[in-house]
Amino acid sequence: MPFLRAKPISLEGSIFIFSEPRGGSTWLMEIISNIPNTATIFEPFHSHYGALEAYTWGEHFYPGSNWEAGKKGIDQILLANKLDSYQLERAPWYKLLNAKQYIFKCVMGTSILPWIAEEYKFRYKPLYILRHPLSVASSTLENLYKRDTVLNIDHKWIPSGYNQELYKKHKDLFAEEAPMMDKLLGRWCINNHYNLTQEKNNWIQIYYEDLLLFPTKTLNFIFDQWDIEPPDEIWTQINKPSSSDFKKDFRANKDEQLSKWIRSYSSAEINHFQSILDRFGINIYRMDSPLPIRLDSIDK
């Protein structure tokens, strides 16, 4: 840490990746980290292990609003002045010491993405990766929460502001007796609702499904937006499963990978899950299709 605090770093060159947990951000981070002279900072906004004390997952701050404690905390994170072994664990020491810019990977920061994108004028627009809510919820339940027959939820989620208003309106989804899948789907809808309703934004929105099916096209789109040449190493990385594939369940067949969660539920369950999306007016996904709506007509 003393070395990181002392070294010059390009703040405007910071790269952010935002998604929900199990949303593809680790995979994208591992691809993007092939940019020369970068090092990854892992989950600075995590609700238990993060470096931003002024924030709890679910809180929402409107772009341009005065969030003094958040600004001070994020400034320190950008400068690597307030990090620990958890945030540094995914970057080799030599990459940290040689880095001229950092890549911040965040699965608990979608609610503050608009505030960050407005407050900091980064050279490279933050990446906002979306994945099918049923895949996110199912994978979270199976890979993060289930410990044999016990559910272990090791984080806090406390909505505020815009998110709190949505939470109050749909509070039945989060009742103690409500099924965990209802809670996870409701949380996905709340965390992403504000971002999905903005006509203009300061980030690059991509889909996990695009990255899986059309990796070259998707990555070229990102680097074109950033106006930099993609490093050759990323083209070998795109065919490697993410290190977050804890159960080694990534399917070689891409269509099967996208459809595996939908196929694990009955028609009645799928219809119930769809009713949750409908309540929030989420229309970029449907529960009976693994693809974003705009991709359904693409000839693969």
C-alpha atoms as a PDB file:
ATOM      1  CA  MET A   1       0.000   0.000   0.000  1.00  0.00           C
ATOM      2  CA  PRO A   2       2.764   2.580   0.685  1.00  0.00           C
ATOM      3  CA  PHE A   3       4.075   1.999  -2.849  1.00  0.00           C
ATOM      4  CA  LEU A   4       0.598   2.399  -4.355  1.00  0.00           C
ATOM      5  CA  ARG A   5      -0.052   5.613  -2.431  1.00  0.00           C
ATOM      6  CA  ALA A   6       3.248   7.089  -3.610  1.00  0.00           C
ATOM      7  CA  LYS A   7       2.998   6.233  -7.312  1.00  0.00           C
ATOM      8  CA  PRO A   8       1.395   8.603  -9.839  1.00  0.00           C
ATOM      9  CA  ILE A   9      -1.854   7.300 -11.299  1.00  0.00           C
ATOM     10  CA  SER A  10      -4.179   8.546 -14.039  1.00  0.00           C
ATOM     11  CA  LEU A  11      -7.491   9.342 -12.326  1.00  0.00           C
ATOM     12  CA  GLU A  12      -9.209  10.355 -15.554  1.00  0.00           C
ATOM     13  CA  GLY A  13      -7.967   7.071 -17.047  1.00  0.00           C
ATOM     14  CA  SER A  14      -9.857   4.992 -14.468  1.00  0.00           C
ATOM     15  CA  ILE A  15     -12.045   2.251 -15.940  1.00  0.00           C
ATOM     16  CA  PHE A  16     -15.169   1.076 -14.104  1.00  0.00           C
ATOM     17  CA  ILE A  17     -17.187  -2.098 -14.665  1.00  0.00           C
ATOM     18  CA  PHE A  18     -20.624  -2.253 -13.038  1.00  0.00           C
ATOM     19  CA  SER A  19     -23.050  -5.176 -12.868  1.00  0.00           C
ATOM     20  CA  GLU A  20     -25.189  -7.199 -10.512  1.00  0.00           C
ATOM     21  CA  PRO A  21     -23.544 -10.162  -8.714  1.00  0.00           C
ATOM     22  CA  ARG A  22     -23.217 -13.110 -11.101  1.00  0.00           C
ATOM     23  CA  GLY A  23     -23.711 -10.653 -13.948  1.00  0.00           C
ATOM     24  CA  GLY A  24     -20.527 -11.305 -15.938  1.00  0.00           C
ATOM     25  CA  SER A  25     -18.366  -8.542 -14.469  1.00  0.00           C
ATOM     26  CA  THR A  26     -15.522 -10.841 -13.366  1.00  0.00           C
ATOM     27  CA  TRP A  27     -15.296 -12.338 -16.854  1.00  0.00           C
ATOM     28  CA  LEU A  28     -15.295  -8.876 -18.443  1.00  0.00           C
ATOM     29  CA  MET A  29     -12.727  -7.665 -15.899  1.00  0.00           C
ATOM     30  CA  GLU A  30     -10.392 -10.530 -16.776  1.00  0.00           C
ATOM     31  CA  ILE A  31     -10.699  -9.682 -20.481  1.00  0.00           C
ATOM     32  CA  ILE A  32     -10.280  -5.926 -20.072  1.00  0.00           C
ATOM     33  CA  SER A  33      -7.324  -6.361 -17.693  1.00  0.00           C
ATOM     34  CA  ASN A  34      -5.201  -7.250 -20.726  1.00  0.00           C
ATOM     35  CA  ILE A  35      -4.964  -3.537 -21.472  1.00  0.00           C
ATOM     36  CA  PRO A  36      -1.279  -2.715 -20.895  1.00  0.00           C
ATOM     37  CA  ASN A  37      -0.249  -0.942 -17.690  1.00  0.00           C
ATOM     38  CA  THR A  38      -3.534  -1.599 -15.873  1.00  0.00           C
ATOM     39  CA  ALA A  39      -4.324  -3.358 -12.604  1.00  0.00           C
ATOM     40  CA  THR A  40      -7.708  -4.458 -11.271  1.00  0.00           C
ATOM     41  CA  ILE A  41      -9.278  -3.217  -8.045  1.00  0.00           C
ATOM     42  CA  PHE A  42     -11.821  -5.785  -6.865  1.00  0.00           C
ATOM     43  CA  GLU A  43     -15.207  -4.791  -5.398  1.00  0.00           C
ATOM     44  CA  PRO A  44     -14.429  -1.430  -3.744  1.00  0.00           C
ATOM     45  CA  PHE A  45     -18.166  -0.974  -3.018  1.00  0.00           C
ATOM     46  CA  HIS A  46     -18.830  -4.404  -1.470  1.00  0.00           C
ATOM     47  CA  SER A  47     -21.254  -4.048   1.436  1.00  0.00           C
ATOM     48  CA  HIS A  48     -19.080  -6.084   3.821  1.00  0.00           C
ATOM     49  CA  TYR A  49     -15.558  -6.062   2.403  1.00  0.00           C
ATOM     50  CA  GLY A  50     -15.511  -2.826   0.430  1.00  0.00           C
ATOM     51  CA  ALA A  51     -13.518   0.359   0.894  1.00  0.00           C
ATOM     52  CA  LEU A  52     -16.356   2.925   0.786  1.00  0.00           C
ATOM     53  CA  GLU A  53     -17.674   3.326   4.326  1.00  0.00           C
ATOM     54  CA  ALA A  54     -20.147   6.034   3.246  1.00  0.00           C
ATOM     55  CA  TYR A  55     -22.145   3.592   1.106  1.00  0.00           C
ATOM     56  CA  THR A  56     -24.307   0.505   1.630  1.00  0.00           C
ATOM     57  CA  TRP A  57     -25.467  -1.554  -1.342  1.00  0.00           C
ATOM     58  CA  GLY A  58     -28.873  -0.346  -2.518  1.00  0.00           C
ATOM     59  CA  GLU A  59     -28.447   3.317  -1.650  1.00  0.00           C
ATOM     60  CA  HIS A  60     -29.228   5.698  -4.497  1.00  0.00           C
ATOM     61  CA  PHE A  61     -27.963   9.220  -5.134  1.00  0.00           C
ATOM     62  CA  TYR A  62     -29.235  11.277  -8.048  1.00  0.00           C
ATOM     63  CA  PRO A  63     -26.630  12.558 -10.515  1.00  0.00           C
ATOM     64  CA  GLY A  64     -25.436  15.987  -9.455  1.00  0.00           C
ATOM     65  CA  SER A  65     -26.662  15.629  -5.873  1.00  0.00           C
ATOM     66  CA  ASN A  66     -24.387  16.592  -2.981  1.00  0.00           C
ATOM     67  CA  TRP A  67     -22.864  13.400  -1.539  1.00  0.00           C
ATOM     68  CA  GLU A  68     -19.840  14.775   0.272  1.00  0.00           C
ATOM     69  CA  ALA A  69     -18.907  11.626   2.206  1.00  0.00           C
ATOM     70  CA  GLY A  70     -19.165   9.526  -0.952  1.00  0.00           C
ATOM     71  CA  LYS A  71     -17.023  11.953  -2.937  1.00  0.00           C
ATOM     72  CA  LYS A  72     -14.277  11.906  -0.325  1.00  0.00           C
ATOM     73  CA  GLY A  73     -14.350   8.120  -0.074  1.00  0.00           C
ATOM     74  CA  ILE A  74     -14.332   7.503  -3.831  1.00  0.00           C
ATOM     75  CA  ASP A  75     -11.509  10.028  -4.289  1.00  0.00           C
ATOM     76  CA  GLN A  76      -9.410   7.950  -1.889  1.00  0.00           C
ATOM     77  CA  ILE A  77     -10.309   4.724  -3.702  1.00  0.00           C
ATOM     78  CA  LEU A  78      -9.373   6.192  -7.094  1.00  0.00           C
ATOM     79  CA  LEU A  79      -5.976   7.158  -5.701  1.00  0.00           C
ATOM     80  CA  ALA A  80      -5.518   3.701  -4.082  1.00  0.00           C
ATOM     81  CA  ASN A  81      -5.188   5.477  -0.731  1.00  0.00           C
ATOM     82  CA  LYS A  82      -7.780   3.328   1.004  1.00  0.00           C
ATOM     83  CA  LEU A  83      -7.662  -0.275  -0.139  1.00  0.00           C
ATOM     84  CA  ASP A  84      -6.889  -3.588   1.542  1.00  0.00           C
ATOM     85  CA  SER A  85      -6.033  -7.136   0.537  1.00  0.00           C
ATOM     86  CA  TYR A  86      -9.621  -7.885  -0.518  1.00  0.00           C
ATOM     87  CA  GLN A  87      -9.635  -5.171  -3.178  1.00  0.00           C
ATOM     88  CA  LEU A  88      -6.120  -6.067  -4.343  1.00  0.00           C
ATOM     89  CA  GLU A  89      -6.420  -9.865  -4.373  1.00  0.00           C
ATOM     90  CA  ARG A  90      -7.198 -10.227  -8.105  1.00  0.00           C
ATOM     91  CA  ALA A  91      -4.172  -8.291  -9.362  1.00  0.00           C
ATOM     92  CA  PRO A  92      -0.609  -9.677  -9.317  1.00  0.00           C
ATOM     93  CA  TRP A  93       1.757  -7.483  -7.332  1.00  0.00           C
ATOM     94  CA  TYR A  94       3.842  -6.636 -10.396  1.00  0.00           C
ATOM     95  CA  LYS A  95       0.758  -5.359 -12.258  1.00  0.00           C
ATOM     96  CA  LEU A  96      -0.156  -3.185  -9.285  1.00  0.00           C
ATOM     97  CA  LEU A  97       3.322  -1.681  -9.136  1.00  0.00           C
ATOM     98  CA  ASN A  98       3.522  -1.134 -12.909  1.00  0.00           C
ATOM     99  CA  ALA A  99      -0.029   0.170 -13.367  1.00  0.00           C
ATOM    100  CA  LYS A 100      -0.645   3.625 -14.755  1.00  0.00           C
ATOM    101  CA  GLN A 101      -4.417   3.254 -14.487  1.00  0.00           C
ATOM    102  CA  TYR A 102      -6.806   1.053 -12.514  1.00  0.00           C
ATOM    103  CA  ILE A 103      -9.800  -1.038 -13.525  1.00  0.00           C
ATOM    104  CA  PHE A 104     -12.484  -1.002 -10.811  1.00  0.00           C
ATOM    105  CA  LYS A 105     -14.838  -3.991 -10.882  1.00  0.00           C
ATOM    106  CA  CYS A 106     -18.062  -3.410  -8.935  1.00  0.00           C
ATOM    107  CA  VAL A 107     -21.079  -5.710  -8.461  1.00  0.00           C
ATOM    108  CA  MET A 108     -22.698  -3.670  -5.709  1.00  0.00           C
ATOM    109  CA  GLY A 109     -22.527  -0.235  -7.264  1.00  0.00           C
ATOM    110  CA  THR A 110     -25.168  -0.153 -10.017  1.00  0.00           C
ATOM    111  CA  SER A 111     -27.243   2.272  -7.926  1.00  0.00           C
ATOM    112  CA  ILE A 112     -24.426   4.821  -7.735  1.00  0.00           C
ATOM    113  CA  LEU A 113     -23.239   4.415 -11.331  1.00  0.00           C
ATOM    114  CA  PRO A 114     -25.222   7.486 -12.531  1.00  0.00           C
ATOM    115  CA  TRP A 115     -23.816   9.624  -9.708  1.00  0.00           C
ATOM    116  CA  ILE A 116     -20.223   8.498 -10.397  1.00  0.00           C
ATOM    117  CA  ALA A 117     -20.574   8.957 -14.163  1.00  0.00           C
ATOM    118  CA  GLU A 118     -21.806  12.527 -13.619  1.00  0.00           C
ATOM    119  CA  GLU A 119     -19.353  13.489 -10.875  1.00  0.00           C
ATOM    120  CA  TYR A 120     -16.175  12.192 -12.530  1.00  0.00           C
ATOM    121  CA  LYS A 121     -15.372  12.945 -16.154  1.00  0.00           C
ATOM    122  CA  PHE A 122     -13.449   9.797 -17.018  1.00  0.00           C
ATOM    123  CA  ARG A 123     -11.693   9.483 -20.361  1.00  0.00           C
ATOM    124  CA  TYR A 124     -13.288   6.030 -20.755  1.00  0.00           C
ATOM    125  CA  LYS A 125     -16.998   5.755 -20.088  1.00  0.00           C
ATOM    126  CA  PRO A 126     -17.854   3.175 -17.378  1.00  0.00           C
ATOM    127  CA  LEU A 127     -19.098  -0.222 -18.556  1.00  0.00           C
ATOM    128  CA  TYR A 128     -22.548  -1.303 -17.407  1.00  0.00           C
ATOM    129  CA  ILE A 129     -23.120  -4.994 -18.118  1.00  0.00           C
ATOM    130  CA  LEU A 130     -26.618  -6.446 -17.876  1.00  0.00           C
ATOM    131  CA  ARG A 131     -27.473 -10.137 -17.638  1.00  0.00           C
ATOM    132  CA  HIS A 132     -30.864 -11.847 -17.700  1.00  0.00           C
ATOM    133  CA  PRO A 133     -32.447 -11.357 -14.243  1.00  0.00           C
ATOM    134  CA  LEU A 134     -33.419 -15.037 -13.990  1.00  0.00           C
ATOM    135  CA  SER A 135     -29.819 -16.083 -14.652  1.00  0.00           C
ATOM    136  CA  VAL A 136     -28.509 -13.567 -12.122  1.00  0.00           C
ATOM    137  CA  ALA A 137     -31.008 -14.570  -9.426  1.00  0.00           C
ATOM    138  CA  SER A 138     -30.618 -18.327  -9.988  1.00  0.00           C
ATOM    139  CA  SER A 139     -26.835 -18.189 -10.137  1.00  0.00           C
ATOM    140  CA  THR A 140     -26.700 -16.017  -7.002  1.00  0.00           C
ATOM    141  CA  LEU A 141     -28.880 -18.490  -5.127  1.00  0.00           C
ATOM    142  CA  GLU A 142     -26.936 -21.559  -6.266  1.00  0.00           C
ATOM    143  CA  ASN A 143     -23.382 -20.210  -6.231  1.00  0.00           C
ATOM    144  CA  LEU A 144     -23.361 -17.624  -3.435  1.00  0.00           C
ATOM    145  CA  TYR A 145     -26.172 -18.299  -0.981  1.00  0.00           C
ATOM    146  CA  LYS A 146     -26.669 -22.058  -0.746  1.00  0.00           C
ATOM    147  CA  ARG A 147     -24.546 -23.847   1.804  1.00  0.00           C
ATOM    148  CA  ASP A 148     -25.993 -27.367   1.692  1.00  0.00           C
ATOM    149  CA  THR A 149     -29.485 -26.858   3.144  1.00  0.00           C
ATOM    150  CA  VAL A 150     -28.719 -23.444   4.666  1.00  0.00           C
ATOM    151  CA  LEU A 151     -28.917 -20.041   2.970  1.00  0.00           C
ATOM    152  CA  ASN A 152     -25.985 -17.811   3.888  1.00  0.00           C
ATOM    153  CA  ILE A 153     -26.468 -14.180   2.824  1.00  0.00           C
ATOM    154  CA  ASP A 154     -23.207 -12.408   3.638  1.00  0.00           C
ATOM    155  CA  HIS A 155     -24.059  -8.860   2.605  1.00  0.00           C
ATOM    156  CA  LYS A 156     -26.283  -5.916   3.416  1.00  0.00           C
ATOM    157  CA  TRP A 157     -28.770  -4.399   0.960  1.00  0.00           C
ATOM    158  CA  ILE A 158     -30.471  -1.254   2.217  1.00  0.00           C
ATOM    159  CA  PRO A 159     -32.267   0.755  -0.486  1.00  0.00           C
ATOM    160  CA  SER A 160     -32.521   4.525  -0.161  1.00  0.00           C
ATOM    161  CA  GLY A 161     -33.784   7.431  -2.250  1.00  0.00           C
ATOM    162  CA  TYR A 162     -35.226   6.318  -5.589  1.00  0.00           C
ATOM    163  CA  ASN A 163     -34.603   2.687  -4.678  1.00  0.00           C
ATOM    164  CA  GLN A 164     -36.410   3.006  -1.367  1.00  0.00           C
ATOM    165  CA  GLU A 165     -39.544   4.308  -3.096  1.00  0.00           C
ATOM    166  CA  LEU A 166     -39.562   1.251  -5.352  1.00  0.00           C
ATOM    167  CA  TYR A 167     -38.922  -0.997  -2.358  1.00  0.00           C
ATOM    168  CA  LYS A 168     -41.894   0.419  -0.455  1.00  0.00           C
ATOM    169  CA  LYS A 169     -44.156  -0.043  -3.474  1.00  0.00           C
ATOM    170  CA  HIS A 170     -43.181  -3.713  -3.842  1.00  0.00           C
ATOM    171  CA  LYS A 171     -42.419  -4.548  -0.213  1.00  0.00           C
ATOM    172  CA  ASP A 172     -44.359  -7.832  -0.352  1.00  0.00           C
ATOM    173  CA  LEU A 173     -41.609  -9.306  -2.519  1.00  0.00           C
ATOM    174  CA  PHE A 174     -39.180  -8.868   0.371  1.00  0.00           C
ATOM    175  CA  ALA A 175     -41.356 -10.154   3.209  1.00  0.00           C
ATOM    176  CA  GLU A 176     -39.665 -12.654   5.503  1.00  0.00           C
ATOM    177  CA  GLU A 177     -41.840 -15.490   4.200  1.00  0.00           C
ATOM    178  CA  ALA A 178     -41.379 -14.533   0.507  1.00  0.00           C
ATOM    179  CA  PRO A 179     -39.435 -17.011  -1.659  1.00  0.00           C
ATOM    180  CA  MET A 180     -35.765 -16.156  -2.058  1.00  0.00           C
ATOM    181  CA  MET A 181     -36.107 -16.047  -5.853  1.00  0.00           C
ATOM    182  CA  ASP A 182     -38.788 -13.349  -5.546  1.00  0.00           C
ATOM    183  CA  LYS A 183     -36.442 -11.305  -3.353  1.00  0.00           C
ATOM    184  CA  LEU A 184     -33.520 -11.706  -5.744  1.00  0.00           C
ATOM    185  CA  LEU A 185     -35.577 -10.804  -8.811  1.00  0.00           C
ATOM    186  CA  GLY A 186     -37.086  -7.826  -7.002  1.00  0.00           C
ATOM    187  CA  ARG A 187     -33.630  -6.652  -6.005  1.00  0.00           C
ATOM    188  CA  TRP A 188     -32.401  -6.917  -9.618  1.00  0.00           C
ATOM    189  CA  CYS A 189     -35.339  -4.801 -10.772  1.00  0.00           C
ATOM    190  CA  ILE A 190     -34.805  -2.135  -8.102  1.00  0.00           C
ATOM    191  CA  ASN A 191     -31.032  -1.897  -8.524  1.00  0.00           C
ATOM    192  CA  ASN A 192     -31.288  -1.422 -12.295  1.00  0.00           C
ATOM    193  CA  HIS A 193     -34.589   0.430 -12.623  1.00  0.00           C
ATOM    194  CA  TYR A 194     -33.269   3.999 -12.551  1.00  0.00           C
ATOM    195  CA  ASN A 195     -30.466   3.267 -15.024  1.00  0.00           C
ATOM    196  CA  LEU A 196     -32.823   1.563 -17.472  1.00  0.00           C
ATOM    197  CA  THR A 197     -35.241   4.494 -17.481  1.00  0.00           C
ATOM    198  CA  GLN A 198     -32.663   7.120 -18.508  1.00  0.00           C
ATOM    199  CA  GLU A 199     -32.758   8.161 -22.160  1.00  0.00           C
ATOM    200  CA  LYS A 200     -29.284   9.701 -22.005  1.00  0.00           C
ATOM    201  CA  ASN A 201     -26.427   8.378 -19.926  1.00  0.00           C
ATOM    202  CA  ASN A 202     -22.689   8.626 -19.414  1.00  0.00           C
ATOM    203  CA  TRP A 203     -21.893   4.942 -19.560  1.00  0.00           C
ATOM    204  CA  ILE A 204     -21.596   2.107 -22.099  1.00  0.00           C
ATOM    205  CA  GLN A 205     -24.400  -0.419 -21.688  1.00  0.00           C
ATOM    206  CA  ILE A 206     -23.692  -3.940 -22.904  1.00  0.00           C
ATOM    207  CA  TYR A 207     -25.269  -7.348 -22.367  1.00  0.00           C
ATOM    208  CA  TYR A 208     -23.697 -10.531 -21.018  1.00  0.00           C
ATOM    209  CA  GLU A 209     -25.566 -12.375 -23.757  1.00  0.00           C
ATOM    210  CA  ASP A 210     -23.906 -10.189 -26.426  1.00  0.00           C
ATOM    211  CA  LEU A 211     -20.497 -10.801 -24.897  1.00  0.00           C
ATOM    212  CA  LEU A 212     -21.075 -14.557 -24.941  1.00  0.00           C
ATOM    213  CA  LEU A 213     -22.594 -14.862 -28.432  1.00  0.00           C
ATOM    214  CA  PHE A 214     -20.806 -12.044 -30.248  1.00  0.00           C
ATOM    215  CA  PRO A 215     -17.582 -11.427 -28.272  1.00  0.00           C
ATOM    216  CA  THR A 216     -15.555  -9.866 -31.081  1.00  0.00           C
ATOM    217  CA  LYS A 217     -18.327  -7.474 -32.075  1.00  0.00           C
ATOM    218  CA  THR A 218     -19.059  -6.532 -28.456  1.00  0.00           C
ATOM    219  CA  LEU A 219     -15.450  -5.922 -27.475  1.00  0.00           C
ATOM    220  CA  ASN A 220     -14.738  -3.952 -30.641  1.00  0.00           C
ATOM    221  CA  PHE A 221     -17.775  -1.817 -29.798  1.00  0.00           C
ATOM    222  CA  ILE A 222     -16.352  -1.098 -26.323  1.00  0.00           C
ATOM    223  CA  PHE A 223     -12.880  -0.211 -27.583  1.00  0.00           C
ATOM    224  CA  ASP A 224     -14.327   1.904 -30.394  1.00  0.00           C
ATOM    225  CA  GLN A 225     -16.264   3.858 -27.781  1.00  0.00           C
ATOM    226  CA  TRP A 226     -13.061   4.324 -25.823  1.00  0.00           C
ATOM    227  CA  ASP A 227     -11.100   5.155 -28.994  1.00  0.00           C
ATOM    228  CA  ILE A 228      -8.248   2.796 -28.169  1.00  0.00           C
ATOM    229  CA  GLU A 229      -6.851  -0.235 -29.945  1.00  0.00           C
ATOM    230  CA  PRO A 230      -7.873  -3.536 -28.324  1.00  0.00           C
ATOM    231  CA  PRO A 231      -4.827  -5.528 -27.163  1.00  0.00           C
ATOM    232  CA  ASP A 232      -4.231  -8.814 -28.980  1.00  0.00           C
ATOM    233  CA  GLU A 233      -4.370 -10.766 -25.708  1.00  0.00           C
ATOM    234  CA  ILE A 234      -8.113 -10.206 -25.245  1.00  0.00           C
ATOM    235  CA  TRP A 235      -8.975 -12.464 -28.183  1.00  0.00           C
ATOM    236  CA  THR A 236      -7.584 -15.520 -26.392  1.00  0.00           C
ATOM    237  CA  GLN A 237      -9.172 -14.542 -23.075  1.00  0.00           C
ATOM    238  CA  ILE A 238     -12.742 -14.420 -24.435  1.00  0.00           C
ATOM    239  CA  ASN A 239     -12.885 -18.199 -24.791  1.00  0.00           C
ATOM    240  CA  LYS A 240     -11.897 -18.868 -21.179  1.00  0.00           C
ATOM    241  CA  PRO A 241     -14.586 -19.276 -18.495  1.00  0.00           C
ATOM    242  CA  SER A 242     -14.553 -16.728 -15.718  1.00  0.00           C
ATOM    243  CA  SER A 243     -12.688 -17.526 -12.507  1.00  0.00           C
ATOM    244  CA  SER A 244     -16.050 -16.965 -10.778  1.00  0.00           C
ATOM    245  CA  ASP A 245     -17.378 -20.208 -12.318  1.00  0.00           C
ATOM    246  CA  PHE A 246     -17.202 -21.718  -8.834  1.00  0.00           C
ATOM    247  CA  LYS A 247     -19.147 -24.903  -9.605  1.00  0.00           C
ATOM    248  CA  LYS A 248     -17.508 -25.405 -13.012  1.00  0.00           C
ATOM    249  CA  ASP A 249     -20.950 -25.299 -14.603  1.00  0.00           C
ATOM    250  CA  PHE A 250     -20.143 -23.127 -17.605  1.00  0.00           C
ATOM    251  CA  ARG A 251     -21.523 -24.888 -20.713  1.00  0.00           C
ATOM    252  CA  ALA A 252     -19.407 -25.202 -23.845  1.00  0.00           C
ATOM    253  CA  ASN A 253     -22.567 -24.830 -25.928  1.00  0.00           C
ATOM    254  CA  LYS A 254     -23.377 -21.127 -25.719  1.00  0.00           C
ATOM    255  CA  ASP A 255     -27.106 -21.536 -26.358  1.00  0.00           C
ATOM    256  CA  GLU A 256     -27.237 -24.111 -23.567  1.00  0.00           C
ATOM    257  CA  GLN A 257     -25.314 -21.787 -21.262  1.00  0.00           C
ATOM    258  CA  LEU A 258     -27.870 -19.030 -21.829  1.00  0.00           C
ATOM    259  CA  SER A 259     -30.911 -21.301 -21.487  1.00  0.00           C
ATOM    260  CA  LYS A 260     -29.881 -23.552 -18.596  1.00  0.00           C
ATOM    261  CA  TRP A 261     -31.663 -21.557 -15.891  1.00  0.00           C
ATOM    262  CA  ILE A 262     -34.909 -21.101 -17.816  1.00  0.00           C
ATOM    263  CA  ARG A 263     -35.075 -24.841 -18.459  1.00  0.00           C
ATOM    264  CA  SER A 264     -34.767 -25.584 -14.745  1.00  0.00           C
ATOM    265  CA  TYR A 265     -38.171 -24.016 -13.920  1.00  0.00           C
ATOM    266  CA  SER A 266     -41.749 -25.045 -14.680  1.00  0.00           C
ATOM    267  CA  SER A 267     -44.070 -22.990 -16.889  1.00  0.00           C
ATOM    268  CA  ALA A 268     -45.980 -21.853 -13.794  1.00  0.00           C
ATOM    269  CA  GLU A 269     -42.767 -20.642 -12.153  1.00  0.00           C
ATOM    270  CA  ILE A 270     -41.678 -18.820 -15.318  1.00  0.00           C
ATOM    271  CA  ASN A 271     -45.062 -17.081 -15.503  1.00  0.00           C
ATOM    272  CA  HIS A 272     -44.743 -16.036 -11.858  1.00  0.00           C
ATOM    273  CA  PHE A 273     -41.251 -14.641 -12.423  1.00  0.00           C
ATOM    274  CA  GLN A 274     -42.529 -12.743 -15.471  1.00  0.00           C
ATOM    275  CA  SER A 275     -45.186 -11.111 -13.297  1.00  0.00           C
ATOM    276  CA  ILE A 276     -42.376  -9.622 -11.164  1.00  0.00           C
ATOM    277  CA  LEU A 277     -40.718  -8.036 -14.202  1.00  0.00           C
ATOM    278  CA  ASP A 278     -44.115  -6.722 -15.310  1.00  0.00           C
ATOM    279  CA  ARG A 279     -44.695  -5.069 -11.940  1.00  0.00           C
ATOM    280  CA  PHE A 280     -41.553  -2.997 -12.423  1.00  0.00           C
ATOM    281  CA  GLY A 281     -42.142  -2.338 -16.118  1.00  0.00           C
ATOM    282  CA  ILE A 282     -38.906  -4.124 -17.062  1.00  0.00           C
ATOM    283  CA  ASN A 283     -39.172  -4.986 -20.754  1.00  0.00           C
ATOM    284  CA  ILE A 284     -35.622  -5.577 -21.977  1.00  0.00           C
ATOM    285  CA  TYR A 285     -35.895  -9.238 -20.948  1.00  0.00           C
ATOM    286  CA  ARG A 286     -38.639 -11.842 -20.822  1.00  0.00           C
ATOM    287  CA  MET A 287     -38.549 -14.855 -18.540  1.00  0.00           C
ATOM    288  CA  ASP A 288     -39.331 -17.315 -21.354  1.00  0.00           C
ATOM    289  CA  SER A 289     -36.428 -16.148 -23.552  1.00  0.00           C
ATOM    290  CA  PRO A 290     -32.710 -16.179 -22.683  1.00  0.00           C
ATOM    291  CA  LEU A 291     -31.901 -13.180 -24.885  1.00  0.00           C
ATOM    292  CA  PRO A 292     -32.507  -9.475 -24.519  1.00  0.00           C
ATOM    293  CA  ILE A 293     -35.620  -8.585 -26.493  1.00  0.00           C
ATOM    294  CA  ARG A 294     -33.711  -6.763 -29.210  1.00  0.00           C
ATOM    295  CA  LEU A 295     -31.554  -9.843 -29.874  1.00  0.00           C
ATOM    296  CA  ASP A 296     -34.421 -12.262 -30.547  1.00  0.00           C
ATOM    297  CA  SER A 297     -34.434 -11.504 -34.278  1.00  0.00           C
ATOM    298  CA  ILE A 298     -30.663 -11.617 -34.799  1.00  0.00           C
ATOM    299  CA  ASP A 299     -29.548 -14.397 -37.110  1.00  0.00           C
ATOM    300  CA  LYS A 300     -26.779 -16.101 -35.186  1.00  0.00           C
END
